[in-house]
Amino acid sequence: MSKKLLVTGDRASGDSYGIGAYIGSLKNRIECQDDYECFIFSADYHTLTTDIDNANEIGKKILELIKTQISVGVDPEKVVFYRQSKIVETFRLHTLLSMLISMSELERQPTLKEKISQGKRMTYGLVGYPVLMASDILIMRANVVPVGKDQEAHVEITKELAEKFNSMFREVLTVPEKMINPVLIGLDGKGKSGKSTGGIFFNDTSEEVKKKVMSMYTDPNRIKATDPGTVKGNPVFIYHDYFNDNLDEVKDLKERYEKGKVGDVEVKEKLFLAIERFLNPIREKRNEIEKLGDEYIFDLLETGEKRANEVAEQTMKSVDEVMKF
């Protein structure tokens, strides 16, 4: 029995993944790569919707994204890496799908309102972002799409477009199911982990990691180390649960924290050590990848893009046939 196909991607808009991205997507890719046929694309065109002024940096950032994925445990022998821009059939399907959705539907999407509130220009490309995302998914006949809660509405649009196309012509587009990824809270206790909330990144030094951990938000009602503290919802303990592999230590810290028998300093110092244990093998693997050079990544992309184009061409051939093109 053939494996179900999973499609996921990343905008090439940052300098590095953070450990928030590990919890929010990378960990899931590692866990799924044996059970699914995983297609992972670098969304260079999606990046342009909000970052076109830095278009000349996208190529470099794609290399960074793929190197980091491999260093955390995504296996290039098990997944297909490719660049969105190299799958030309994606953009043919995108044009057809754009005829099936109204502007009012697109203008209601929550992420568009968020981007506008951040000062982004409401360009044609930004408004149509969900349609291009739908094409990325449908061109590969994805069965499963892992997304964060902020992208959930986009997958619903994808499903609606696939169902509408299939009802108008014939059932040739696979209607995908979503897989919701968790979100890691920011170090400041607000929103999700990232640059604006003081996220920890894979390219941070040990000194930078320690500085960030020691400044983390904790229980604001706890004035002294002898005051009983709250564990539930406390960012420091949320990070302990995700990154501290010493479960007995975590249990002990929680019990003592709730009884006012341990200070924030000790809790944070042990979290720092736990995160360093998590990061060190990743740093070592990253150094090995850097020694292989950028050509290693380009070879992976070339192989992956050949495979991805095979799937995309088959999908588009079916689309052309049912539309009598």
C-alpha atoms as a PDB file:
ATOM      1  CA  MET A   1       0.000   0.000   0.000  1.00  0.00           C
ATOM      2  CA  SER A   2       1.432   3.376  -1.031  1.00  0.00           C
ATOM      3  CA  LYS A   3       2.051   6.040   1.572  1.00  0.00           C
ATOM      4  CA  LYS A   4      -0.136   9.111   1.885  1.00  0.00           C
ATOM      5  CA  LEU A   5       1.483  12.258   0.546  1.00  0.00           C
ATOM      6  CA  LEU A   6       2.234  15.135   2.919  1.00  0.00           C
ATOM      7  CA  VAL A   7       3.032  18.635   1.645  1.00  0.00           C
ATOM      8  CA  THR A   8       4.444  21.445   3.748  1.00  0.00           C
ATOM      9  CA  GLY A   9       6.579  24.514   3.091  1.00  0.00           C
ATOM     10  CA  ASP A  10       8.351  27.535   4.498  1.00  0.00           C
ATOM     11  CA  ARG A  11       8.582  31.153   3.496  1.00  0.00           C
ATOM     12  CA  ALA A  12      12.212  32.133   2.959  1.00  0.00           C
ATOM     13  CA  SER A  13      11.824  35.357   4.903  1.00  0.00           C
ATOM     14  CA  GLY A  14      13.972  34.763   8.001  1.00  0.00           C
ATOM     15  CA  ASP A  15      17.665  34.365   8.677  1.00  0.00           C
ATOM     16  CA  SER A  16      17.247  31.200  10.706  1.00  0.00           C
ATOM     17  CA  TYR A  17      14.775  28.793  12.161  1.00  0.00           C
ATOM     18  CA  GLY A  18      14.178  29.065  15.873  1.00  0.00           C
ATOM     19  CA  ILE A  19      13.324  26.349  18.366  1.00  0.00           C
ATOM     20  CA  GLY A  20       9.748  27.624  18.099  1.00  0.00           C
ATOM     21  CA  ALA A  21       9.759  26.384  14.491  1.00  0.00           C
ATOM     22  CA  TYR A  22      11.090  23.045  15.713  1.00  0.00           C
ATOM     23  CA  ILE A  23       8.024  22.586  17.924  1.00  0.00           C
ATOM     24  CA  GLY A  24       5.701  24.219  15.383  1.00  0.00           C
ATOM     25  CA  SER A  25       6.740  22.245  12.281  1.00  0.00           C
ATOM     26  CA  LEU A  26      10.171  20.591  12.147  1.00  0.00           C
ATOM     27  CA  LYS A  27       9.522  18.011  14.877  1.00  0.00           C
ATOM     28  CA  ASN A  28       6.377  16.968  13.038  1.00  0.00           C
ATOM     29  CA  ARG A  29       8.331  16.521   9.779  1.00  0.00           C
ATOM     30  CA  ILE A  30      10.829  14.257  11.502  1.00  0.00           C
ATOM     31  CA  GLU A  31       8.022  12.181  13.017  1.00  0.00           C
ATOM     32  CA  CYS A  32       6.141  11.937   9.699  1.00  0.00           C
ATOM     33  CA  GLN A  33       9.007  11.219   7.301  1.00  0.00           C
ATOM     34  CA  ASP A  34       8.818   7.430   7.799  1.00  0.00           C
ATOM     35  CA  ASP A  35       5.040   7.187   7.540  1.00  0.00           C
ATOM     36  CA  TYR A  36       4.316   9.656   4.726  1.00  0.00           C
ATOM     37  CA  GLU A  37       5.790  10.599   1.376  1.00  0.00           C
ATOM     38  CA  CYS A  38       6.913  14.071   2.461  1.00  0.00           C
ATOM     39  CA  PHE A  39       7.239  16.942  -0.016  1.00  0.00           C
ATOM     40  CA  ILE A  40       8.843  20.035   1.557  1.00  0.00           C
ATOM     41  CA  PHE A  41       9.096  23.198  -0.502  1.00  0.00           C
ATOM     42  CA  SER A  42      10.775  26.548  -0.018  1.00  0.00           C
ATOM     43  CA  ALA A  43       8.082  29.115  -0.761  1.00  0.00           C
ATOM     44  CA  ASP A  44      10.093  31.762  -2.578  1.00  0.00           C
ATOM     45  CA  TYR A  45       7.063  33.264  -4.358  1.00  0.00           C
ATOM     46  CA  HIS A  46       5.073  33.402  -1.129  1.00  0.00           C
ATOM     47  CA  THR A  47       7.971  35.294   0.423  1.00  0.00           C
ATOM     48  CA  LEU A  48       7.584  38.027  -2.179  1.00  0.00           C
ATOM     49  CA  THR A  49       4.073  38.870  -0.946  1.00  0.00           C
ATOM     50  CA  THR A  50       5.541  40.717   2.044  1.00  0.00           C
ATOM     51  CA  ASP A  51       9.279  40.892   1.359  1.00  0.00           C
ATOM     52  CA  ILE A  52       9.775  41.765  -2.308  1.00  0.00           C
ATOM     53  CA  ASP A  53      12.293  44.495  -1.433  1.00  0.00           C
ATOM     54  CA  ASN A  54      14.674  41.745  -0.285  1.00  0.00           C
ATOM     55  CA  ALA A  55      14.103  39.377  -3.208  1.00  0.00           C
ATOM     56  CA  ASN A  56      17.838  39.077  -3.865  1.00  0.00           C
ATOM     57  CA  GLU A  57      18.284  37.477  -0.413  1.00  0.00           C
ATOM     58  CA  ILE A  58      15.781  34.661  -0.947  1.00  0.00           C
ATOM     59  CA  GLY A  59      18.220  32.211  -2.551  1.00  0.00           C
ATOM     60  CA  LYS A  60      20.595  32.447   0.395  1.00  0.00           C
ATOM     61  CA  LYS A  61      17.766  32.026   2.867  1.00  0.00           C
ATOM     62  CA  ILE A  62      16.518  28.893   1.103  1.00  0.00           C
ATOM     63  CA  LEU A  63      19.948  27.316   1.602  1.00  0.00           C
ATOM     64  CA  GLU A  64      19.740  28.247   5.285  1.00  0.00           C
ATOM     65  CA  LEU A  65      16.281  26.703   5.648  1.00  0.00           C
ATOM     66  CA  ILE A  66      17.279  23.373   4.122  1.00  0.00           C
ATOM     67  CA  LYS A  67      20.568  23.123   6.022  1.00  0.00           C
ATOM     68  CA  THR A  68      18.748  23.706   9.292  1.00  0.00           C
ATOM     69  CA  GLN A  69      16.080  21.118   8.513  1.00  0.00           C
ATOM     70  CA  ILE A  70      18.699  18.466   7.820  1.00  0.00           C
ATOM     71  CA  SER A  71      20.674  19.407  10.932  1.00  0.00           C
ATOM     72  CA  VAL A  72      17.656  18.856  13.218  1.00  0.00           C
ATOM     73  CA  GLY A  73      16.893  15.428  11.737  1.00  0.00           C
ATOM     74  CA  VAL A  74      14.857  15.811   8.535  1.00  0.00           C
ATOM     75  CA  ASP A  75      16.341  13.052   6.362  1.00  0.00           C
ATOM     76  CA  PRO A  76      17.105  14.105   2.750  1.00  0.00           C
ATOM     77  CA  GLU A  77      16.919  10.425   1.779  1.00  0.00           C
ATOM     78  CA  LYS A  78      13.300  10.261   2.966  1.00  0.00           C
ATOM     79  CA  VAL A  79      11.833  13.628   1.919  1.00  0.00           C
ATOM     80  CA  VAL A  80      11.596  15.635  -1.290  1.00  0.00           C
ATOM     81  CA  PHE A  81      13.039  19.155  -1.087  1.00  0.00           C
ATOM     82  CA  TYR A  82      12.129  21.629  -3.829  1.00  0.00           C
ATOM     83  CA  ARG A  83      11.655  25.306  -4.599  1.00  0.00           C
ATOM     84  CA  GLN A  84       8.158  26.557  -5.265  1.00  0.00           C
ATOM     85  CA  SER A  85       9.332  28.656  -8.230  1.00  0.00           C
ATOM     86  CA  LYS A  86      10.689  25.593 -10.043  1.00  0.00           C
ATOM     87  CA  ILE A  87       7.284  23.896 -10.284  1.00  0.00           C
ATOM     88  CA  VAL A  88       5.786  25.822 -13.191  1.00  0.00           C
ATOM     89  CA  GLU A  89       2.540  23.824 -13.209  1.00  0.00           C
ATOM     90  CA  THR A  90       1.768  25.330  -9.806  1.00  0.00           C
ATOM     91  CA  PHE A  91       1.213  28.689 -11.461  1.00  0.00           C
ATOM     92  CA  ARG A  92      -0.999  27.283 -14.231  1.00  0.00           C
ATOM     93  CA  LEU A  93      -3.253  25.691 -11.631  1.00  0.00           C
ATOM     94  CA  HIS A  94      -3.137  28.879  -9.550  1.00  0.00           C
ATOM     95  CA  THR A  95      -4.609  30.848 -12.460  1.00  0.00           C
ATOM     96  CA  LEU A  96      -7.480  28.384 -12.848  1.00  0.00           C
ATOM     97  CA  LEU A  97      -8.241  28.287  -9.130  1.00  0.00           C
ATOM     98  CA  SER A  98      -8.287  32.087  -8.962  1.00  0.00           C
ATOM     99  CA  MET A  99     -11.431  31.985 -11.143  1.00  0.00           C
ATOM    100  CA  LEU A 100     -13.284  30.002  -8.472  1.00  0.00           C
ATOM    101  CA  ILE A 101     -13.079  32.367  -5.505  1.00  0.00           C
ATOM    102  CA  SER A 102     -14.409  35.871  -4.943  1.00  0.00           C
ATOM    103  CA  MET A 103     -12.479  38.883  -3.715  1.00  0.00           C
ATOM    104  CA  SER A 104     -14.831  39.209  -0.743  1.00  0.00           C
ATOM    105  CA  GLU A 105     -13.926  35.675   0.376  1.00  0.00           C
ATOM    106  CA  LEU A 106     -10.220  36.461   0.179  1.00  0.00           C
ATOM    107  CA  GLU A 107     -10.576  39.791   1.963  1.00  0.00           C
ATOM    108  CA  ARG A 108     -12.158  38.043   4.962  1.00  0.00           C
ATOM    109  CA  GLN A 109      -9.119  35.867   5.687  1.00  0.00           C
ATOM    110  CA  PRO A 110      -7.747  36.551   9.198  1.00  0.00           C
ATOM    111  CA  THR A 111      -4.072  36.526   8.176  1.00  0.00           C
ATOM    112  CA  LEU A 112      -4.677  39.257   5.573  1.00  0.00           C
ATOM    113  CA  LYS A 113      -6.159  41.535   8.233  1.00  0.00           C
ATOM    114  CA  GLU A 114      -3.170  40.787  10.458  1.00  0.00           C
ATOM    115  CA  LYS A 115      -0.674  41.676   7.704  1.00  0.00           C
ATOM    116  CA  ILE A 116      -2.504  44.920   6.903  1.00  0.00           C
ATOM    117  CA  SER A 117      -2.483  45.856  10.601  1.00  0.00           C
ATOM    118  CA  GLN A 118       1.300  45.354  10.514  1.00  0.00           C
ATOM    119  CA  GLY A 119       1.601  47.930   7.745  1.00  0.00           C
ATOM    120  CA  LYS A 120       1.920  45.554   4.785  1.00  0.00           C
ATOM    121  CA  ARG A 121       0.566  46.776   1.440  1.00  0.00           C
ATOM    122  CA  MET A 122      -2.591  45.013   0.281  1.00  0.00           C
ATOM    123  CA  THR A 123      -1.183  43.898  -3.053  1.00  0.00           C
ATOM    124  CA  TYR A 124      -2.853  41.538  -5.486  1.00  0.00           C
ATOM    125  CA  GLY A 125      -0.315  38.887  -4.493  1.00  0.00           C
ATOM    126  CA  LEU A 126      -0.929  39.264  -0.758  1.00  0.00           C
ATOM    127  CA  VAL A 127      -4.717  39.064  -1.142  1.00  0.00           C
ATOM    128  CA  GLY A 128      -4.353  35.997  -3.372  1.00  0.00           C
ATOM    129  CA  TYR A 129      -1.877  34.251  -1.064  1.00  0.00           C
ATOM    130  CA  PRO A 130      -4.361  31.472  -0.085  1.00  0.00           C
ATOM    131  CA  VAL A 131      -5.031  30.642  -3.747  1.00  0.00           C
ATOM    132  CA  LEU A 132      -1.343  30.163  -4.488  1.00  0.00           C
ATOM    133  CA  MET A 133      -1.046  28.101  -1.297  1.00  0.00           C
ATOM    134  CA  ALA A 134      -3.984  25.996  -2.476  1.00  0.00           C
ATOM    135  CA  SER A 135      -2.214  25.420  -5.773  1.00  0.00           C
ATOM    136  CA  ASP A 136       0.992  24.378  -3.975  1.00  0.00           C
ATOM    137  CA  ILE A 137      -1.017  21.742  -2.132  1.00  0.00           C
ATOM    138  CA  LEU A 138      -3.347  20.552  -4.892  1.00  0.00           C
ATOM    139  CA  ILE A 139      -0.737  20.318  -7.648  1.00  0.00           C
ATOM    140  CA  MET A 140       1.046  17.648  -5.556  1.00  0.00           C
ATOM    141  CA  ARG A 141      -2.185  15.813  -4.721  1.00  0.00           C
ATOM    142  CA  ALA A 142      -1.447  16.139  -1.032  1.00  0.00           C
ATOM    143  CA  ASN A 143      -3.473  14.008   1.349  1.00  0.00           C
ATOM    144  CA  VAL A 144      -2.238  15.790   4.468  1.00  0.00           C
ATOM    145  CA  VAL A 145      -1.100  19.367   5.131  1.00  0.00           C
ATOM    146  CA  PRO A 146       0.504  20.234   8.499  1.00  0.00           C
ATOM    147  CA  VAL A 147      -0.174  23.868   9.467  1.00  0.00           C
ATOM    148  CA  GLY A 148      -0.245  26.140  12.480  1.00  0.00           C
ATOM    149  CA  LYS A 149      -3.555  27.543  13.712  1.00  0.00           C
ATOM    150  CA  ASP A 150      -2.850  30.789  11.853  1.00  0.00           C
ATOM    151  CA  GLN A 151      -2.852  28.921   8.521  1.00  0.00           C
ATOM    152  CA  GLU A 152      -5.857  26.707   9.231  1.00  0.00           C
ATOM    153  CA  ALA A 153      -8.238  28.947   7.277  1.00  0.00           C
ATOM    154  CA  HIS A 154      -5.994  28.643   4.215  1.00  0.00           C
ATOM    155  CA  VAL A 155      -6.347  24.865   4.196  1.00  0.00           C
ATOM    156  CA  GLU A 156     -10.116  25.265   4.412  1.00  0.00           C
ATOM    157  CA  ILE A 157      -9.967  27.502   1.315  1.00  0.00           C
ATOM    158  CA  THR A 158      -7.860  24.814  -0.388  1.00  0.00           C
ATOM    159  CA  LYS A 159     -10.463  22.157   0.369  1.00  0.00           C
ATOM    160  CA  GLU A 160     -13.288  24.388  -0.880  1.00  0.00           C
ATOM    161  CA  LEU A 161     -11.463  25.142  -4.130  1.00  0.00           C
ATOM    162  CA  ALA A 162     -10.722  21.457  -4.738  1.00  0.00           C
ATOM    163  CA  GLU A 163     -14.321  20.474  -4.065  1.00  0.00           C
ATOM    164  CA  LYS A 164     -15.655  23.264  -6.283  1.00  0.00           C
ATOM    165  CA  PHE A 165     -13.359  22.303  -9.161  1.00  0.00           C
ATOM    166  CA  ASN A 166     -14.215  18.601  -8.803  1.00  0.00           C
ATOM    167  CA  SER A 167     -17.968  19.319  -8.806  1.00  0.00           C
ATOM    168  CA  MET A 168     -17.686  21.548 -11.890  1.00  0.00           C
ATOM    169  CA  PHE A 169     -15.574  19.153 -13.940  1.00  0.00           C
ATOM    170  CA  ARG A 170     -14.551  15.774 -12.547  1.00  0.00           C
ATOM    171  CA  GLU A 171     -12.915  14.524  -9.369  1.00  0.00           C
ATOM    172  CA  VAL A 172      -9.239  14.902 -10.234  1.00  0.00           C
ATOM    173  CA  LEU A 173      -8.014  17.138  -7.392  1.00  0.00           C
ATOM    174  CA  THR A 174      -7.282  15.467  -4.055  1.00  0.00           C
ATOM    175  CA  VAL A 175      -9.098  17.129  -1.157  1.00  0.00           C
ATOM    176  CA  PRO A 176      -6.500  17.346   1.646  1.00  0.00           C
ATOM    177  CA  GLU A 177      -6.884  17.048   5.384  1.00  0.00           C
ATOM    178  CA  LYS A 178      -5.122  19.405   7.779  1.00  0.00           C
ATOM    179  CA  MET A 179      -2.787  18.390  10.584  1.00  0.00           C
ATOM    180  CA  ILE A 180      -2.557  21.128  13.228  1.00  0.00           C
ATOM    181  CA  ASN A 181       0.917  21.775  14.606  1.00  0.00           C
ATOM    182  CA  PRO A 182       1.432  23.098  18.161  1.00  0.00           C
ATOM    183  CA  VAL A 183       2.612  26.644  18.828  1.00  0.00           C
ATOM    184  CA  LEU A 184       5.449  27.422  21.243  1.00  0.00           C
ATOM    185  CA  ILE A 185       4.818  30.528  23.331  1.00  0.00           C
ATOM    186  CA  GLY A 186       7.352  33.357  23.165  1.00  0.00           C
ATOM    187  CA  LEU A 187      10.007  33.893  25.825  1.00  0.00           C
ATOM    188  CA  ASP A 188       8.095  36.985  26.931  1.00  0.00           C
ATOM    189  CA  GLY A 189       4.928  34.969  27.486  1.00  0.00           C
ATOM    190  CA  LYS A 190       3.151  36.645  24.563  1.00  0.00           C
ATOM    191  CA  GLY A 191       2.232  35.221  21.185  1.00  0.00           C
ATOM    192  CA  LYS A 192       4.312  32.521  19.535  1.00  0.00           C
ATOM    193  CA  SER A 193       8.081  32.166  19.761  1.00  0.00           C
ATOM    194  CA  GLY A 194       9.928  34.334  17.253  1.00  0.00           C
ATOM    195  CA  LYS A 195      12.163  37.343  16.794  1.00  0.00           C
ATOM    196  CA  SER A 196       9.665  39.845  18.167  1.00  0.00           C
ATOM    197  CA  THR A 197       9.124  37.770  21.310  1.00  0.00           C
ATOM    198  CA  GLY A 198      12.775  36.896  21.939  1.00  0.00           C
ATOM    199  CA  GLY A 199      12.915  33.467  20.334  1.00  0.00           C
ATOM    200  CA  ILE A 200      15.933  31.163  20.597  1.00  0.00           C
ATOM    201  CA  PHE A 201      17.531  30.324  17.250  1.00  0.00           C
ATOM    202  CA  PHE A 202      19.684  27.444  16.104  1.00  0.00           C
ATOM    203  CA  ASN A 203      22.515  29.813  15.226  1.00  0.00           C
ATOM    204  CA  ASP A 204      22.520  31.434  18.685  1.00  0.00           C
ATOM    205  CA  THR A 205      25.697  30.989  20.729  1.00  0.00           C
ATOM    206  CA  SER A 206      25.562  29.399  24.182  1.00  0.00           C
ATOM    207  CA  GLU A 207      26.015  32.865  25.688  1.00  0.00           C
ATOM    208  CA  GLU A 208      23.066  34.225  23.701  1.00  0.00           C
ATOM    209  CA  VAL A 209      20.879  31.271  24.678  1.00  0.00           C
ATOM    210  CA  LYS A 210      21.696  31.697  28.375  1.00  0.00           C
ATOM    211  CA  LYS A 211      20.978  35.419  28.276  1.00  0.00           C
ATOM    212  CA  LYS A 212      17.590  34.773  26.668  1.00  0.00           C
ATOM    213  CA  VAL A 213      16.636  31.971  29.041  1.00  0.00           C
ATOM    214  CA  MET A 214      17.625  33.920  32.168  1.00  0.00           C
ATOM    215  CA  SER A 215      15.429  36.834  31.069  1.00  0.00           C
ATOM    216  CA  MET A 216      12.358  34.677  30.410  1.00  0.00           C
ATOM    217  CA  TYR A 217       8.950  35.660  31.695  1.00  0.00           C
ATOM    218  CA  THR A 218       7.712  33.586  34.673  1.00  0.00           C
ATOM    219  CA  ASP A 219       4.922  33.837  37.249  1.00  0.00           C
ATOM    220  CA  PRO A 220       4.413  37.626  37.712  1.00  0.00           C
ATOM    221  CA  ASN A 221       2.744  37.126  41.096  1.00  0.00           C
ATOM    222  CA  ARG A 222       5.778  35.411  42.592  1.00  0.00           C
ATOM    223  CA  ILE A 223       7.876  38.039  44.385  1.00  0.00           C
ATOM    224  CA  LYS A 224      10.237  35.811  46.421  1.00  0.00           C
ATOM    225  CA  ALA A 225      11.645  32.315  45.870  1.00  0.00           C
ATOM    226  CA  THR A 226       9.708  31.204  48.959  1.00  0.00           C
ATOM    227  CA  ASP A 227       6.362  32.233  47.411  1.00  0.00           C
ATOM    228  CA  PRO A 228       4.352  29.340  45.934  1.00  0.00           C
ATOM    229  CA  GLY A 229       4.440  29.677  42.145  1.00  0.00           C
ATOM    230  CA  THR A 230       2.171  28.732  39.263  1.00  0.00           C
ATOM    231  CA  VAL A 231       3.439  26.062  36.861  1.00  0.00           C
ATOM    232  CA  LYS A 232       0.515  25.858  34.444  1.00  0.00           C
ATOM    233  CA  GLY A 233       0.937  28.384  31.620  1.00  0.00           C
ATOM    234  CA  ASN A 234       4.370  29.423  32.901  1.00  0.00           C
ATOM    235  CA  PRO A 235       6.649  29.792  29.824  1.00  0.00           C
ATOM    236  CA  VAL A 236       9.705  28.451  31.682  1.00  0.00           C
ATOM    237  CA  PHE A 237       7.929  25.194  32.484  1.00  0.00           C
ATOM    238  CA  ILE A 238       6.361  24.982  29.036  1.00  0.00           C
ATOM    239  CA  TYR A 239       9.921  25.026  27.650  1.00  0.00           C
ATOM    240  CA  HIS A 240      11.029  22.467  30.253  1.00  0.00           C
ATOM    241  CA  ASP A 241       8.247  20.137  29.079  1.00  0.00           C
ATOM    242  CA  TYR A 242       9.336  20.465  25.456  1.00  0.00           C
ATOM    243  CA  PHE A 243      13.123  20.504  25.776  1.00  0.00           C
ATOM    244  CA  ASN A 244      14.213  18.965  29.098  1.00  0.00           C
ATOM    245  CA  ASP A 245      14.803  15.243  28.563  1.00  0.00           C
ATOM    246  CA  ASN A 246      15.330  14.713  32.310  1.00  0.00           C
ATOM    247  CA  LEU A 247      11.706  14.054  33.271  1.00  0.00           C
ATOM    248  CA  ASP A 248      12.484  13.424  36.929  1.00  0.00           C
ATOM    249  CA  GLU A 249      14.205  16.805  37.152  1.00  0.00           C
ATOM    250  CA  VAL A 250      11.222  18.552  35.566  1.00  0.00           C
ATOM    251  CA  LYS A 251       8.822  16.850  37.981  1.00  0.00           C
ATOM    252  CA  ASP A 252      10.981  17.833  40.955  1.00  0.00           C
ATOM    253  CA  LEU A 253      11.252  21.457  39.807  1.00  0.00           C
ATOM    254  CA  LYS A 254       7.497  21.740  39.338  1.00  0.00           C
ATOM    255  CA  GLU A 255       6.744  20.309  42.773  1.00  0.00           C
ATOM    256  CA  ARG A 256       9.240  22.576  44.509  1.00  0.00           C
ATOM    257  CA  TYR A 257       8.126  25.632  42.514  1.00  0.00           C
ATOM    258  CA  GLU A 258       4.514  25.177  43.546  1.00  0.00           C
ATOM    259  CA  LYS A 259       5.615  24.880  47.195  1.00  0.00           C
ATOM    260  CA  GLY A 260       7.951  27.870  47.109  1.00  0.00           C
ATOM    261  CA  LYS A 261      11.073  25.750  47.586  1.00  0.00           C
ATOM    262  CA  VAL A 262      13.020  26.702  44.450  1.00  0.00           C
ATOM    263  CA  GLY A 263      13.906  30.042  42.905  1.00  0.00           C
ATOM    264  CA  ASP A 264      13.492  31.191  39.325  1.00  0.00           C
ATOM    265  CA  VAL A 265      17.274  31.281  38.871  1.00  0.00           C
ATOM    266  CA  GLU A 266      17.705  27.533  39.460  1.00  0.00           C
ATOM    267  CA  VAL A 267      14.699  26.707  37.275  1.00  0.00           C
ATOM    268  CA  LYS A 268      16.076  28.822  34.431  1.00  0.00           C
ATOM    269  CA  GLU A 269      19.652  27.567  34.786  1.00  0.00           C
ATOM    270  CA  LYS A 270      18.456  23.982  34.460  1.00  0.00           C
ATOM    271  CA  LEU A 271      16.328  24.971  31.460  1.00  0.00           C
ATOM    272  CA  PHE A 272      19.399  26.545  29.839  1.00  0.00           C
ATOM    273  CA  LEU A 273      21.360  23.307  30.308  1.00  0.00           C
ATOM    274  CA  ALA A 274      18.471  21.299  28.866  1.00  0.00           C
ATOM    275  CA  ILE A 275      18.216  23.522  25.783  1.00  0.00           C
ATOM    276  CA  GLU A 276      21.980  23.283  25.304  1.00  0.00           C
ATOM    277  CA  ARG A 277      21.716  19.463  25.374  1.00  0.00           C
ATOM    278  CA  PHE A 278      19.062  19.786  22.672  1.00  0.00           C
ATOM    279  CA  LEU A 279      21.040  22.271  20.566  1.00  0.00           C
ATOM    280  CA  ASN A 280      24.551  20.803  20.699  1.00  0.00           C
ATOM    281  CA  PRO A 281      23.952  17.791  18.390  1.00  0.00           C
ATOM    282  CA  ILE A 282      22.167  20.136  15.972  1.00  0.00           C
ATOM    283  CA  ARG A 283      25.145  22.503  15.952  1.00  0.00           C
ATOM    284  CA  GLU A 284      27.499  19.583  15.291  1.00  0.00           C
ATOM    285  CA  LYS A 285      25.366  18.284  12.427  1.00  0.00           C
ATOM    286  CA  ARG A 286      25.155  21.779  10.969  1.00  0.00           C
ATOM    287  CA  ASN A 287      28.959  22.022  10.932  1.00  0.00           C
ATOM    288  CA  GLU A 288      29.105  18.724   9.005  1.00  0.00           C
ATOM    289  CA  ILE A 289      26.609  20.035   6.435  1.00  0.00           C
ATOM    290  CA  GLU A 290      28.556  23.269   5.984  1.00  0.00           C
ATOM    291  CA  LYS A 291      31.658  21.221   5.131  1.00  0.00           C
ATOM    292  CA  LEU A 292      29.752  19.566   2.278  1.00  0.00           C
ATOM    293  CA  GLY A 293      29.209  22.998   0.677  1.00  0.00           C
ATOM    294  CA  ASP A 294      26.213  24.597  -1.001  1.00  0.00           C
ATOM    295  CA  GLU A 295      26.490  22.240  -3.993  1.00  0.00           C
ATOM    296  CA  TYR A 296      25.237  19.442  -1.755  1.00  0.00           C
ATOM    297  CA  ILE A 297      22.002  21.388  -1.176  1.00  0.00           C
ATOM    298  CA  PHE A 298      21.650  22.297  -4.850  1.00  0.00           C
ATOM    299  CA  ASP A 299      21.985  18.611  -5.775  1.00  0.00           C
ATOM    300  CA  LEU A 300      19.217  17.739  -3.309  1.00  0.00           C
ATOM    301  CA  LEU A 301      17.015  20.440  -4.821  1.00  0.00           C
ATOM    302  CA  GLU A 302      17.673  19.289  -8.371  1.00  0.00           C
ATOM    303  CA  THR A 303      16.704  15.725  -7.484  1.00  0.00           C
ATOM    304  CA  GLY A 304      13.657  16.844  -5.525  1.00  0.00           C
ATOM    305  CA  GLU A 305      12.458  19.209  -8.218  1.00  0.00           C
ATOM    306  CA  LYS A 306      12.601  16.456 -10.800  1.00  0.00           C
ATOM    307  CA  ARG A 307      10.350  14.288  -8.632  1.00  0.00           C
ATOM    308  CA  ALA A 308       8.006  17.154  -7.742  1.00  0.00           C
ATOM    309  CA  ASN A 309       7.628  18.162 -11.389  1.00  0.00           C
ATOM    310  CA  GLU A 310       6.674  14.601 -12.310  1.00  0.00           C
ATOM    311  CA  VAL A 311       3.777  14.723  -9.867  1.00  0.00           C
ATOM    312  CA  ALA A 312       2.762  18.267 -10.872  1.00  0.00           C
ATOM    313  CA  GLU A 313       2.735  17.428 -14.585  1.00  0.00           C
ATOM    314  CA  GLN A 314       0.524  14.391 -13.973  1.00  0.00           C
ATOM    315  CA  THR A 315      -1.930  16.511 -11.987  1.00  0.00           C
ATOM    316  CA  MET A 316      -2.053  19.219 -14.639  1.00  0.00           C
ATOM    317  CA  LYS A 317      -2.520  16.664 -17.395  1.00  0.00           C
ATOM    318  CA  SER A 318      -5.631  15.399 -15.576  1.00  0.00           C
ATOM    319  CA  VAL A 319      -6.864  18.961 -15.088  1.00  0.00           C
ATOM    320  CA  ASP A 320      -6.430  19.752 -18.797  1.00  0.00           C
ATOM    321  CA  GLU A 321      -8.283  16.585 -19.788  1.00  0.00           C
ATOM    322  CA  VAL A 322     -11.373  17.230 -17.646  1.00  0.00           C
ATOM    323  CA  MET A 323     -11.494  20.868 -18.803  1.00  0.00           C
ATOM    324  CA  LYS A 324     -11.195  19.736 -22.454  1.00  0.00           C
ATOM    325  CA  PHE A 325      -8.074  21.887 -22.898  1.00  0.00           C
END
